[in-house]
Amino acid sequence: MNLKGKEITPEERKIILKFKNEGKTLREIGKIVGRTHSSIQRVINNYTSSKSTISKPCSGRPSKLTGREKRYVFNSLPLTSILRNFSYLVDEVILNEEILDNSKQMIADSKKILKRTEH
């Protein structure tokens, strides 16, 4: 279940740039090439930034699971496991907030001490 379309080929990119140089609008080019105007805009922006019609490599590690597989795994977990993990995250957030409050108090105390020593 892939929501993304096929990658735009370098030949298509050259055609898009040719039509753009001729003064056609993004929507007109999109109808000619069979792509959305936002895809046309992305090709033009990528070309103006890199001066190349070759697409950039994807950044980051590819996911091992598809979105559908992730949903299946999540939905097959027992609810108690999900709630246990959620409560752990809530505890961690509360702990981080307490550490932040203590740090702010320590900084304020240090500033007071510095002001006293300056005078």
PDB file of N, CA and C in Angstrom:
ATOM      1  N   MET A   1       0.848  -1.174   0.000  1.00  0.00           N
ATOM      2  CA  MET A   1       0.000   0.000   0.000  1.00  0.00           C
ATOM      3  C   MET A   1       0.890   1.231   0.000  1.00  0.00           C
ATOM      4  N   ASN A   2       1.401   1.580  -1.139  1.00  0.00           N
ATOM      5  CA  ASN A   2       2.308   2.695  -1.283  1.00  0.00           C
ATOM      6  C   ASN A   2       1.525   3.904  -1.771  1.00  0.00           C
ATOM      7  N   LEU A   3       1.492   4.970  -0.959  1.00  0.00           N
ATOM      8  CA  LEU A   3       0.737   6.155  -1.328  1.00  0.00           C
ATOM      9  C   LEU A   3       1.510   7.039  -2.301  1.00  0.00           C
ATOM     10  N   LYS A   4       2.802   6.886  -2.374  1.00  0.00           N
ATOM     11  CA  LYS A   4       3.609   7.709  -3.259  1.00  0.00           C
ATOM     12  C   LYS A   4       3.553   7.151  -4.677  1.00  0.00           C
ATOM     13  N   GLY A   5       3.660   8.051  -5.649  1.00  0.00           N
ATOM     14  CA  GLY A   5       3.668   7.631  -7.038  1.00  0.00           C
ATOM     15  C   GLY A   5       5.058   7.219  -7.476  1.00  0.00           C
ATOM     16  N   LYS A   6       5.187   6.968  -8.772  1.00  0.00           N
ATOM     17  CA  LYS A   6       6.498   6.592  -9.299  1.00  0.00           C
ATOM     18  C   LYS A   6       7.407   7.818  -9.311  1.00  0.00           C
ATOM     19  N   GLU A   7       8.695   7.547  -9.204  1.00  0.00           N
ATOM     20  CA  GLU A   7       9.674   8.626  -9.227  1.00  0.00           C
ATOM     21  C   GLU A   7       9.698   9.275 -10.608  1.00  0.00           C
ATOM     22  N   ILE A   8       9.918  10.568 -10.620  1.00  0.00           N
ATOM     23  CA  ILE A   8       9.986  11.302 -11.877  1.00  0.00           C
ATOM     24  C   ILE A   8      11.349  11.027 -12.506  1.00  0.00           C
ATOM     25  N   THR A   9      11.338  10.565 -13.751  1.00  0.00           N
ATOM     26  CA  THR A   9      12.586  10.199 -14.429  1.00  0.00           C
ATOM     27  C   THR A   9      13.356  11.450 -14.837  1.00  0.00           C
ATOM     28  N   PRO A  10      14.663  11.309 -15.067  1.00  0.00           N
ATOM     29  CA  PRO A  10      15.445  12.463 -15.539  1.00  0.00           C
ATOM     30  C   PRO A  10      14.925  13.032 -16.863  1.00  0.00           C
ATOM     31  N   GLU A  11      14.402  12.159 -17.740  1.00  0.00           N
ATOM     32  CA  GLU A  11      13.848  12.641 -19.008  1.00  0.00           C
ATOM     33  C   GLU A  11      12.629  13.524 -18.755  1.00  0.00           C
ATOM     34  N   GLU A  12      11.764  13.079 -17.823  1.00  0.00           N
ATOM     35  CA  GLU A  12      10.587  13.879 -17.480  1.00  0.00           C
ATOM     36  C   GLU A  12      11.012  15.217 -16.883  1.00  0.00           C
ATOM     37  N   ARG A  13      12.043  15.190 -16.053  1.00  0.00           N
ATOM     38  CA  ARG A  13      12.543  16.421 -15.441  1.00  0.00           C
ATOM     39  C   ARG A  13      13.009  17.412 -16.511  1.00  0.00           C
ATOM     40  N   LYS A  14      13.699  16.899 -17.522  1.00  0.00           N
ATOM     41  CA  LYS A  14      14.169  17.771 -18.607  1.00  0.00           C
ATOM     42  C   LYS A  14      12.998  18.365 -19.372  1.00  0.00           C
ATOM     43  N   ILE A  15      11.964  17.563 -19.602  1.00  0.00           N
ATOM     44  CA  ILE A  15      10.770  18.052 -20.296  1.00  0.00           C
ATOM     45  C   ILE A  15      10.085  19.135 -19.464  1.00  0.00           C
ATOM     46  N   ILE A  16       9.990  18.898 -18.156  1.00  0.00           N
ATOM     47  CA  ILE A  16       9.365  19.873 -17.259  1.00  0.00           C
ATOM     48  C   ILE A  16      10.121  21.201 -17.320  1.00  0.00           C
ATOM     49  N   LEU A  17      11.442  21.130 -17.259  1.00  0.00           N
ATOM     50  CA  LEU A  17      12.255  22.350 -17.290  1.00  0.00           C
ATOM     51  C   LEU A  17      12.133  23.065 -18.637  1.00  0.00           C
ATOM     52  N   LYS A  18      12.019  22.284 -19.712  1.00  0.00           N
ATOM     53  CA  LYS A  18      11.868  22.867 -21.049  1.00  0.00           C
ATOM     54  C   LYS A  18      10.559  23.653 -21.129  1.00  0.00           C
ATOM     55  N   PHE A  19       9.460  23.050 -20.647  1.00  0.00           N
ATOM     56  CA  PHE A  19       8.172  23.731 -20.679  1.00  0.00           C
ATOM     57  C   PHE A  19       8.169  24.948 -19.754  1.00  0.00           C
ATOM     58  N   LYS A  20       8.844  24.858 -18.626  1.00  0.00           N
ATOM     59  CA  LYS A  20       8.912  25.997 -17.709  1.00  0.00           C
ATOM     60  C   LYS A  20       9.656  27.158 -18.363  1.00  0.00           C
ATOM     61  N   ASN A  21      10.734  26.848 -19.088  1.00  0.00           N
ATOM     62  CA  ASN A  21      11.481  27.898 -19.793  1.00  0.00           C
ATOM     63  C   ASN A  21      10.657  28.514 -20.911  1.00  0.00           C
ATOM     64  N   GLU A  22       9.703  27.753 -21.462  1.00  0.00           N
ATOM     65  CA  GLU A  22       8.816  28.278 -22.498  1.00  0.00           C
ATOM     66  C   GLU A  22       7.722  29.161 -21.909  1.00  0.00           C
ATOM     67  N   GLY A  23       7.605  29.182 -20.579  1.00  0.00           N
ATOM     68  CA  GLY A  23       6.642  30.068 -19.930  1.00  0.00           C
ATOM     69  C   GLY A  23       5.326  29.421 -19.556  1.00  0.00           C
ATOM     70  N   LYS A  24       5.238  28.107 -19.634  1.00  0.00           N
ATOM     71  CA  LYS A  24       3.992  27.435 -19.263  1.00  0.00           C
ATOM     72  C   LYS A  24       3.831  27.426 -17.742  1.00  0.00           C
ATOM     73  N   THR A  25       2.575  27.374 -17.272  1.00  0.00           N
ATOM     74  CA  THR A  25       2.311  27.347 -15.838  1.00  0.00           C
ATOM     75  C   THR A  25       2.543  25.940 -15.299  1.00  0.00           C
ATOM     76  N   LEU A  26       2.618  25.843 -13.978  1.00  0.00           N
ATOM     77  CA  LEU A  26       2.837  24.544 -13.345  1.00  0.00           C
ATOM     78  C   LEU A  26       1.700  23.576 -13.661  1.00  0.00           C
ATOM     79  N   ARG A  27       0.480  24.072 -13.634  1.00  0.00           N
ATOM     80  CA  ARG A  27      -0.675  23.202 -13.900  1.00  0.00           C
ATOM     81  C   ARG A  27      -0.706  22.740 -15.360  1.00  0.00           C
ATOM     82  N   GLU A  28      -0.328  23.615 -16.275  1.00  0.00           N
ATOM     83  CA  GLU A  28      -0.271  23.224 -17.688  1.00  0.00           C
ATOM     84  C   GLU A  28       0.787  22.135 -17.894  1.00  0.00           C
ATOM     85  N   ILE A  29       1.945  22.339 -17.286  1.00  0.00           N
ATOM     86  CA  ILE A  29       3.009  21.331 -17.403  1.00  0.00           C
ATOM     87  C   ILE A  29       2.556  20.022 -16.779  1.00  0.00           C
ATOM     88  N   GLY A  30       1.882  20.120 -15.635  1.00  0.00           N
ATOM     89  CA  GLY A  30       1.395  18.924 -14.958  1.00  0.00           C
ATOM     90  C   GLY A  30       0.429  18.122 -15.814  1.00  0.00           C
ATOM     91  N   LYS A  31      -0.459  18.809 -16.528  1.00  0.00           N
ATOM     92  CA  LYS A  31      -1.408  18.112 -17.399  1.00  0.00           C
ATOM     93  C   LYS A  31      -0.690  17.444 -18.568  1.00  0.00           C
ATOM     94  N   ILE A  32       0.326  18.104 -19.101  1.00  0.00           N
ATOM     95  CA  ILE A  32       1.070  17.537 -20.228  1.00  0.00           C
ATOM     96  C   ILE A  32       1.845  16.291 -19.793  1.00  0.00           C
ATOM     97  N   VAL A  33       2.518  16.393 -18.657  1.00  0.00           N
ATOM     98  CA  VAL A  33       3.396  15.316 -18.198  1.00  0.00           C
ATOM     99  C   VAL A  33       2.627  14.236 -17.425  1.00  0.00           C
ATOM    100  N   GLY A  34       1.457  14.607 -16.897  1.00  0.00           N
ATOM    101  CA  GLY A  34       0.672  13.642 -16.121  1.00  0.00           C
ATOM    102  C   GLY A  34       1.103  13.583 -14.661  1.00  0.00           C
ATOM    103  N   ARG A  35       1.505  14.717 -14.125  1.00  0.00           N
ATOM    104  CA  ARG A  35       1.927  14.840 -12.724  1.00  0.00           C
ATOM    105  C   ARG A  35       1.188  16.003 -12.087  1.00  0.00           C
ATOM    106  N   THR A  36       1.212  16.044 -10.759  1.00  0.00           N
ATOM    107  CA  THR A  36       0.560  17.151 -10.064  1.00  0.00           C
ATOM    108  C   THR A  36       1.423  18.403 -10.150  1.00  0.00           C
ATOM    109  N   HIS A  37       0.778  19.560  -9.968  1.00  0.00           N
ATOM    110  CA  HIS A  37       1.529  20.817 -10.039  1.00  0.00           C
ATOM    111  C   HIS A  37       2.548  20.916  -8.914  1.00  0.00           C
ATOM    112  N   SER A  38       2.265  20.284  -7.759  1.00  0.00           N
ATOM    113  CA  SER A  38       3.233  20.327  -6.658  1.00  0.00           C
ATOM    114  C   SER A  38       4.480  19.512  -6.996  1.00  0.00           C
ATOM    115  N   SER A  39       4.316  18.424  -7.743  1.00  0.00           N
ATOM    116  CA  SER A  39       5.478  17.641  -8.183  1.00  0.00           C
ATOM    117  C   SER A  39       6.317  18.446  -9.164  1.00  0.00           C
ATOM    118  N   ILE A  40       5.635  19.182 -10.040  1.00  0.00           N
ATOM    119  CA  ILE A  40       6.333  20.030 -11.012  1.00  0.00           C
ATOM    120  C   ILE A  40       7.126  21.102 -10.261  1.00  0.00           C
ATOM    121  N   GLN A  41       6.493  21.710  -9.260  1.00  0.00           N
ATOM    122  CA  GLN A  41       7.151  22.749  -8.471  1.00  0.00           C
ATOM    123  C   GLN A  41       8.386  22.191  -7.758  1.00  0.00           C
ATOM    124  N   ARG A  42       8.284  20.982  -7.228  1.00  0.00           N
ATOM    125  CA  ARG A  42       9.407  20.347  -6.527  1.00  0.00           C
ATOM    126  C   ARG A  42      10.574  20.118  -7.487  1.00  0.00           C
ATOM    127  N   VAL A  43      10.279  19.669  -8.707  1.00  0.00           N
ATOM    128  CA  VAL A  43      11.335  19.443  -9.706  1.00  0.00           C
ATOM    129  C   VAL A  43      12.035  20.764 -10.022  1.00  0.00           C
ATOM    130  N   ILE A  44      11.254  21.811 -10.205  1.00  0.00           N
ATOM    131  CA  ILE A  44      11.831  23.117 -10.545  1.00  0.00           C
ATOM    132  C   ILE A  44      12.669  23.647  -9.383  1.00  0.00           C
ATOM    133  N   ASN A  45      12.162  23.532  -8.167  1.00  0.00           N
ATOM    134  CA  ASN A  45      12.919  24.004  -6.996  1.00  0.00           C
ATOM    135  C   ASN A  45      14.213  23.215  -6.816  1.00  0.00           C
ATOM    136  N   ASN A  46      14.141  21.896  -6.999  1.00  0.00           N
ATOM    137  CA  ASN A  46      15.348  21.083  -6.872  1.00  0.00           C
ATOM    138  C   ASN A  46      16.372  21.460  -7.940  1.00  0.00           C
ATOM    139  N   TYR A  47      15.902  21.759  -9.142  1.00  0.00           N
ATOM    140  CA  TYR A  47      16.832  22.124 -10.210  1.00  0.00           C
ATOM    141  C   TYR A  47      17.479  23.482  -9.921  1.00  0.00           C
ATOM    142  N   THR A  48      16.690  24.436  -9.440  1.00  0.00           N
ATOM    143  CA  THR A  48      17.263  25.754  -9.173  1.00  0.00           C
ATOM    144  C   THR A  48      18.265  25.711  -8.027  1.00  0.00           C
ATOM    145  N   SER A  49      18.075  24.794  -7.077  1.00  0.00           N
ATOM    146  CA  SER A  49      19.021  24.724  -5.958  1.00  0.00           C
ATOM    147  C   SER A  49      20.270  23.910  -6.299  1.00  0.00           C
ATOM    148  N   SER A  50      20.122  22.838  -7.084  1.00  0.00           N
ATOM    149  CA  SER A  50      21.275  21.967  -7.350  1.00  0.00           C
ATOM    150  C   SER A  50      21.784  22.031  -8.789  1.00  0.00           C
ATOM    151  N   LYS A  51      21.030  22.658  -9.696  1.00  0.00           N
ATOM    152  CA  LYS A  51      21.385  22.737 -11.125  1.00  0.00           C
ATOM    153  C   LYS A  51      21.591  21.353 -11.746  1.00  0.00           C
ATOM    154  N   SER A  52      20.821  20.374 -11.262  1.00  0.00           N
ATOM    155  CA  SER A  52      20.928  19.013 -11.776  1.00  0.00           C
ATOM    156  C   SER A  52      19.536  18.415 -11.885  1.00  0.00           C
ATOM    157  N   THR A  53      19.333  17.578 -12.911  1.00  0.00           N
ATOM    158  CA  THR A  53      18.040  16.910 -13.067  1.00  0.00           C
ATOM    159  C   THR A  53      18.020  15.546 -12.383  1.00  0.00           C
ATOM    160  N   ILE A  54      19.137  15.150 -11.791  1.00  0.00           N
ATOM    161  CA  ILE A  54      19.208  13.860 -11.097  1.00  0.00           C
ATOM    162  C   ILE A  54      18.637  14.037  -9.688  1.00  0.00           C
ATOM    163  N   SER A  55      17.787  13.111  -9.259  1.00  0.00           N
ATOM    164  CA  SER A  55      17.180  13.236  -7.938  1.00  0.00           C
ATOM    165  C   SER A  55      18.209  12.947  -6.849  1.00  0.00           C
ATOM    166  N   LYS A  56      18.018  13.601  -5.709  1.00  0.00           N
ATOM    167  CA  LYS A  56      18.920  13.419  -4.576  1.00  0.00           C
ATOM    168  C   LYS A  56      18.626  12.077  -3.916  1.00  0.00           C
ATOM    169  N   PRO A  57      19.642  11.446  -3.312  1.00  0.00           N
ATOM    170  CA  PRO A  57      19.371  10.190  -2.610  1.00  0.00           C
ATOM    171  C   PRO A  57      18.550  10.441  -1.351  1.00  0.00           C
ATOM    172  N   CYS A  58      17.773   9.454  -0.954  1.00  0.00           N
ATOM    173  CA  CYS A  58      16.972   9.568   0.265  1.00  0.00           C
ATOM    174  C   CYS A  58      17.905   9.598   1.465  1.00  0.00           C
ATOM    175  N   SER A  59      17.546  10.410   2.444  1.00  0.00           N
ATOM    176  CA  SER A  59      18.376  10.485   3.638  1.00  0.00           C
ATOM    177  C   SER A  59      17.812   9.551   4.704  1.00  0.00           C
ATOM    178  N   GLY A  60      18.676   9.037   5.526  1.00  0.00           N
ATOM    179  CA  GLY A  60      18.239   8.181   6.615  1.00  0.00           C
ATOM    180  C   GLY A  60      18.125   6.725   6.222  1.00  0.00           C
ATOM    181  N   ARG A  61      17.966   5.925   7.241  1.00  0.00           N
ATOM    182  CA  ARG A  61      17.845   4.498   7.047  1.00  0.00           C
ATOM    183  C   ARG A  61      16.425   4.143   6.645  1.00  0.00           C
ATOM    184  N   PRO A  62      16.243   3.283   5.660  1.00  0.00           N
ATOM    185  CA  PRO A  62      14.886   2.901   5.273  1.00  0.00           C
ATOM    186  C   PRO A  62      14.217   2.081   6.377  1.00  0.00           C
ATOM    187  N   SER A  63      12.929   2.243   6.514  1.00  0.00           N
ATOM    188  CA  SER A  63      12.182   1.519   7.533  1.00  0.00           C
ATOM    189  C   SER A  63      12.076   0.052   7.154  1.00  0.00           C
ATOM    190  N   LYS A  64      12.186  -0.813   8.163  1.00  0.00           N
ATOM    191  CA  LYS A  64      12.057  -2.248   7.899  1.00  0.00           C
ATOM    192  C   LYS A  64      10.596  -2.654   7.743  1.00  0.00           C
ATOM    193  N   LEU A  65       9.695  -1.888   8.380  1.00  0.00           N
ATOM    194  CA  LEU A  65       8.272  -2.202   8.307  1.00  0.00           C
ATOM    195  C   LEU A  65       7.542  -1.129   7.508  1.00  0.00           C
ATOM    196  N   THR A  66       6.542  -1.556   6.767  1.00  0.00           N
ATOM    197  CA  THR A  66       5.687  -0.591   6.081  1.00  0.00           C
ATOM    198  C   THR A  66       4.700  -0.029   7.098  1.00  0.00           C
ATOM    199  N   GLY A  67       3.998   1.021   6.723  1.00  0.00           N
ATOM    200  CA  GLY A  67       2.999   1.603   7.612  1.00  0.00           C
ATOM    201  C   GLY A  67       1.932   0.599   7.996  1.00  0.00           C
ATOM    202  N   ARG A  68       1.551  -0.223   7.044  1.00  0.00           N
ATOM    203  CA  ARG A  68       0.529  -1.235   7.310  1.00  0.00           C
ATOM    204  C   ARG A  68       1.022  -2.266   8.318  1.00  0.00           C
ATOM    205  N   GLU A  69       2.275  -2.686   8.173  1.00  0.00           N
ATOM    206  CA  GLU A  69       2.847  -3.658   9.104  1.00  0.00           C
ATOM    207  C   GLU A  69       2.974  -3.064  10.506  1.00  0.00           C
ATOM    208  N   LYS A  70       3.349  -1.791  10.591  1.00  0.00           N
ATOM    209  CA  LYS A  70       3.445  -1.136  11.899  1.00  0.00           C
ATOM    210  C   LYS A  70       2.089  -1.091  12.589  1.00  0.00           C
ATOM    211  N   ARG A  71       1.035  -0.751  11.840  1.00  0.00           N
ATOM    212  CA  ARG A  71      -0.304  -0.720  12.423  1.00  0.00           C
ATOM    213  C   ARG A  71      -0.723  -2.105  12.897  1.00  0.00           C
ATOM    214  N   TYR A  72      -0.391  -3.138  12.113  1.00  0.00           N
ATOM    215  CA  TYR A  72      -0.753  -4.500  12.482  1.00  0.00           C
ATOM    216  C   TYR A  72      -0.084  -4.895  13.802  1.00  0.00           C
ATOM    217  N   VAL A  73       1.209  -4.599  13.915  1.00  0.00           N
ATOM    218  CA  VAL A  73       1.942  -4.941  15.138  1.00  0.00           C
ATOM    219  C   VAL A  73       1.356  -4.178  16.319  1.00  0.00           C
ATOM    220  N   PHE A  74       1.104  -2.892  16.139  1.00  0.00           N
ATOM    221  CA  PHE A  74       0.566  -2.081  17.229  1.00  0.00           C
ATOM    222  C   PHE A  74      -0.805  -2.589  17.664  1.00  0.00           C
ATOM    223  N   ASN A  75      -1.667  -2.894  16.685  1.00  0.00           N
ATOM    224  CA  ASN A  75      -3.014  -3.343  17.017  1.00  0.00           C
ATOM    225  C   ASN A  75      -3.030  -4.747  17.602  1.00  0.00           C
ATOM    226  N   SER A  76      -1.997  -5.554  17.364  1.00  0.00           N
ATOM    227  CA  SER A  76      -1.983  -6.915  17.901  1.00  0.00           C
ATOM    228  C   SER A  76      -1.441  -6.964  19.329  1.00  0.00           C
ATOM    229  N   LEU A  77      -0.875  -5.849  19.825  1.00  0.00           N
ATOM    230  CA  LEU A  77      -0.386  -5.815  21.197  1.00  0.00           C
ATOM    231  C   LEU A  77      -1.553  -5.790  22.170  1.00  0.00           C
ATOM    232  N   PRO A  78      -1.395  -6.463  23.306  1.00  0.00           N
ATOM    233  CA  PRO A  78      -2.453  -6.362  24.307  1.00  0.00           C
ATOM    234  C   PRO A  78      -2.516  -4.934  24.873  1.00  0.00           C
ATOM    235  N   LEU A  79      -3.705  -4.511  25.230  1.00  0.00           N
ATOM    236  CA  LEU A  79      -3.904  -3.145  25.693  1.00  0.00           C
ATOM    237  C   LEU A  79      -3.097  -2.849  26.953  1.00  0.00           C
ATOM    238  N   THR A  80      -2.925  -3.835  27.824  1.00  0.00           N
ATOM    239  CA  THR A  80      -2.179  -3.593  29.065  1.00  0.00           C
ATOM    240  C   THR A  80      -0.730  -3.233  28.778  1.00  0.00           C
ATOM    241  N   SER A  81      -0.154  -3.846  27.751  1.00  0.00           N
ATOM    242  CA  SER A  81       1.229  -3.543  27.384  1.00  0.00           C
ATOM    243  C   SER A  81       1.341  -2.103  26.898  1.00  0.00           C
ATOM    244  N   ILE A  82       0.369  -1.684  26.113  1.00  0.00           N
ATOM    245  CA  ILE A  82       0.373  -0.320  25.594  1.00  0.00           C
ATOM    246  C   ILE A  82       0.244   0.669  26.744  1.00  0.00           C
ATOM    247  N   LEU A  83      -0.684   0.392  27.665  1.00  0.00           N
ATOM    248  CA  LEU A  83      -0.886   1.295  28.788  1.00  0.00           C
ATOM    249  C   LEU A  83       0.334   1.335  29.692  1.00  0.00           C
ATOM    250  N   ARG A  84       1.013   0.203  29.882  1.00  0.00           N
ATOM    251  CA  ARG A  84       2.208   0.154  30.716  1.00  0.00           C
ATOM    252  C   ARG A  84       3.288   1.038  30.114  1.00  0.00           C
ATOM    253  N   ASN A  85       3.485   0.945  28.802  1.00  0.00           N
ATOM    254  CA  ASN A  85       4.484   1.776  28.133  1.00  0.00           C
ATOM    255  C   ASN A  85       4.098   3.257  28.203  1.00  0.00           C
ATOM    256  N   PHE A  86       2.816   3.530  28.083  1.00  0.00           N
ATOM    257  CA  PHE A  86       2.360   4.912  28.151  1.00  0.00           C
ATOM    258  C   PHE A  86       2.617   5.490  29.536  1.00  0.00           C
ATOM    259  N   SER A  87       2.324   4.710  30.580  1.00  0.00           N
ATOM    260  CA  SER A  87       2.554   5.219  31.937  1.00  0.00           C
ATOM    261  C   SER A  87       4.044   5.436  32.181  1.00  0.00           C
ATOM    262  N   TYR A  88       4.909   4.592  31.596  1.00  0.00           N
ATOM    263  CA  TYR A  88       6.349   4.784  31.730  1.00  0.00           C
ATOM    264  C   TYR A  88       6.756   6.111  31.101  1.00  0.00           C
ATOM    265  N   LEU A  89       6.199   6.432  29.922  1.00  0.00           N
ATOM    266  CA  LEU A  89       6.517   7.696  29.263  1.00  0.00           C
ATOM    267  C   LEU A  89       6.041   8.884  30.085  1.00  0.00           C
ATOM    268  N   VAL A  90       4.846   8.760  30.685  1.00  0.00           N
ATOM    269  CA  VAL A  90       4.323   9.842  31.520  1.00  0.00           C
ATOM    270  C   VAL A  90       5.235  10.049  32.721  1.00  0.00           C
ATOM    271  N   ASP A  91       5.666   8.953  33.368  1.00  0.00           N
ATOM    272  CA  ASP A  91       6.580   9.060  34.508  1.00  0.00           C
ATOM    273  C   ASP A  91       7.879   9.734  34.096  1.00  0.00           C
ATOM    274  N   GLU A  92       8.381   9.402  32.913  1.00  0.00           N
ATOM    275  CA  GLU A  92       9.629   9.983  32.434  1.00  0.00           C
ATOM    276  C   GLU A  92       9.473  11.482  32.204  1.00  0.00           C
ATOM    277  N   VAL A  93       8.337  11.912  31.651  1.00  0.00           N
ATOM    278  CA  VAL A  93       8.090  13.332  31.415  1.00  0.00           C
ATOM    279  C   VAL A  93       8.019  14.077  32.740  1.00  0.00           C
ATOM    280  N   ILE A  94       7.326  13.505  33.717  1.00  0.00           N
ATOM    281  CA  ILE A  94       7.213  14.143  35.033  1.00  0.00           C
ATOM    282  C   ILE A  94       8.590  14.275  35.664  1.00  0.00           C
ATOM    283  N   LEU A  95       9.400  13.218  35.582  1.00  0.00           N
ATOM    284  CA  LEU A  95      10.747  13.245  36.140  1.00  0.00           C
ATOM    285  C   LEU A  95      11.582  14.329  35.453  1.00  0.00           C
ATOM    286  N   ASN A  96      11.492  14.423  34.125  1.00  0.00           N
ATOM    287  CA  ASN A  96      12.243  15.440  33.390  1.00  0.00           C
ATOM    288  C   ASN A  96      11.813  16.844  33.795  1.00  0.00           C
ATOM    289  N   GLU A  97      10.511  17.045  34.045  1.00  0.00           N
ATOM    290  CA  GLU A  97      10.032  18.354  34.485  1.00  0.00           C
ATOM    291  C   GLU A  97      10.581  18.693  35.863  1.00  0.00           C
ATOM    292  N   GLU A  98      10.660  17.699  36.755  1.00  0.00           N
ATOM    293  CA  GLU A  98      11.213  17.931  38.087  1.00  0.00           C
ATOM    294  C   GLU A  98      12.694  18.295  38.001  1.00  0.00           C
ATOM    295  N   ILE A  99      13.428  17.613  37.149  1.00  0.00           N
ATOM    296  CA  ILE A  99      14.855  17.910  36.972  1.00  0.00           C
ATOM    297  C   ILE A  99      15.018  19.324  36.428  1.00  0.00           C
ATOM    298  N   LEU A 100      14.172  19.707  35.482  1.00  0.00           N
ATOM    299  CA  LEU A 100      14.239  21.041  34.897  1.00  0.00           C
ATOM    300  C   LEU A 100      13.954  22.106  35.948  1.00  0.00           C
ATOM    301  N   ASP A 101      12.915  21.874  36.782  1.00  0.00           N
ATOM    302  CA  ASP A 101      12.599  22.834  37.837  1.00  0.00           C
ATOM    303  C   ASP A 101      13.753  22.966  38.820  1.00  0.00           C
ATOM    304  N   ASN A 102      14.378  21.845  39.205  1.00  0.00           N
ATOM    305  CA  ASN A 102      15.518  21.883  40.126  1.00  0.00           C
ATOM    306  C   ASN A 102      16.686  22.633  39.500  1.00  0.00           C
ATOM    307  N   SER A 103      16.920  22.425  38.213  1.00  0.00           N
ATOM    308  CA  SER A 103      18.013  23.111  37.524  1.00  0.00           C
ATOM    309  C   SER A 103      17.774  24.612  37.500  1.00  0.00           C
ATOM    310  N   LYS A 104      16.542  25.016  37.227  1.00  0.00           N
ATOM    311  CA  LYS A 104      16.216  26.439  37.217  1.00  0.00           C
ATOM    312  C   LYS A 104      16.450  27.051  38.591  1.00  0.00           C
ATOM    313  N   GLN A 105      16.080  26.330  39.650  1.00  0.00           N
ATOM    314  CA  GLN A 105      16.270  26.824  41.010  1.00  0.00           C
ATOM    315  C   GLN A 105      17.762  26.951  41.321  1.00  0.00           C
ATOM    316  N   MET A 106      18.559  25.973  40.881  1.00  0.00           N
ATOM    317  CA  MET A 106      20.001  26.022  41.131  1.00  0.00           C
ATOM    318  C   MET A 106      20.632  27.211  40.408  1.00  0.00           C
ATOM    319  N   ILE A 107      20.190  27.495  39.207  1.00  0.00           N
ATOM    320  CA  ILE A 107      20.717  28.639  38.452  1.00  0.00           C
ATOM    321  C   ILE A 107      20.351  29.942  39.153  1.00  0.00           C
ATOM    322  N   ALA A 108      19.111  30.050  39.607  1.00  0.00           N
ATOM    323  CA  ALA A 108      18.681  31.258  40.310  1.00  0.00           C
ATOM    324  C   ALA A 108      19.501  31.453  41.580  1.00  0.00           C
ATOM    325  N   ASP A 109      19.740  30.375  42.329  1.00  0.00           N
ATOM    326  CA  ASP A 109      20.550  30.461  43.553  1.00  0.00           C
ATOM    327  C   ASP A 109      21.971  30.894  43.228  1.00  0.00           C
ATOM    328  N   SER A 110      22.540  30.369  42.157  1.00  0.00           N
ATOM    329  CA  SER A 110      23.905  30.726  41.761  1.00  0.00           C
ATOM    330  C   SER A 110      23.994  32.201  41.398  1.00  0.00           C
ATOM    331  N   LYS A 111      22.984  32.719  40.707  1.00  0.00           N
ATOM    332  CA  LYS A 111      22.977  34.129  40.347  1.00  0.00           C
ATOM    333  C   LYS A 111      22.929  35.012  41.586  1.00  0.00           C
ATOM    334  N   LYS A 112      22.147  34.596  42.578  1.00  0.00           N
ATOM    335  CA  LYS A 112      22.072  35.369  43.821  1.00  0.00           C
ATOM    336  C   LYS A 112      23.425  35.409  44.507  1.00  0.00           C
ATOM    337  N   ILE A 113      24.101  34.273  44.559  1.00  0.00           N
ATOM    338  CA  ILE A 113      25.412  34.194  45.200  1.00  0.00           C
ATOM    339  C   ILE A 113      26.414  35.065  44.456  1.00  0.00           C
ATOM    340  N   LEU A 114      26.380  35.031  43.113  1.00  0.00           N
ATOM    341  CA  LEU A 114      27.290  35.853  42.321  1.00  0.00           C
ATOM    342  C   LEU A 114      27.051  37.344  42.557  1.00  0.00           C
ATOM    343  N   LYS A 115      25.805  37.752  42.670  1.00  0.00           N
ATOM    344  CA  LYS A 115      25.501  39.152  42.913  1.00  0.00           C
ATOM    345  C   LYS A 115      26.031  39.603  44.258  1.00  0.00           C
ATOM    346  N   ARG A 116      25.923  38.734  45.279  1.00  0.00           N
ATOM    347  CA  ARG A 116      26.424  39.069  46.612  1.00  0.00           C
ATOM    348  C   ARG A 116      27.939  39.233  46.609  1.00  0.00           C
ATOM    349  N   THR A 117      28.645  38.386  45.856  1.00  0.00           N
ATOM    350  CA  THR A 117      30.112  38.425  45.855  1.00  0.00           C
ATOM    351  C   THR A 117      30.636  39.607  45.044  1.00  0.00           C
ATOM    352  N   GLU A 118      29.840  40.135  44.094  1.00  0.00           N
ATOM    353  CA  GLU A 118      30.277  41.254  43.279  1.00  0.00           C
ATOM    354  C   GLU A 118      30.318  42.556  44.069  1.00  0.00           C
ATOM    355  N   HIS A 119      29.432  42.695  45.033  1.00  0.00           N
ATOM    356  CA  HIS A 119      29.336  43.964  45.787  1.00  0.00           C
ATOM    357  C   HIS A 119      30.287  44.017  46.897  1.00  0.00           C
TER     358      HIS A 119
END
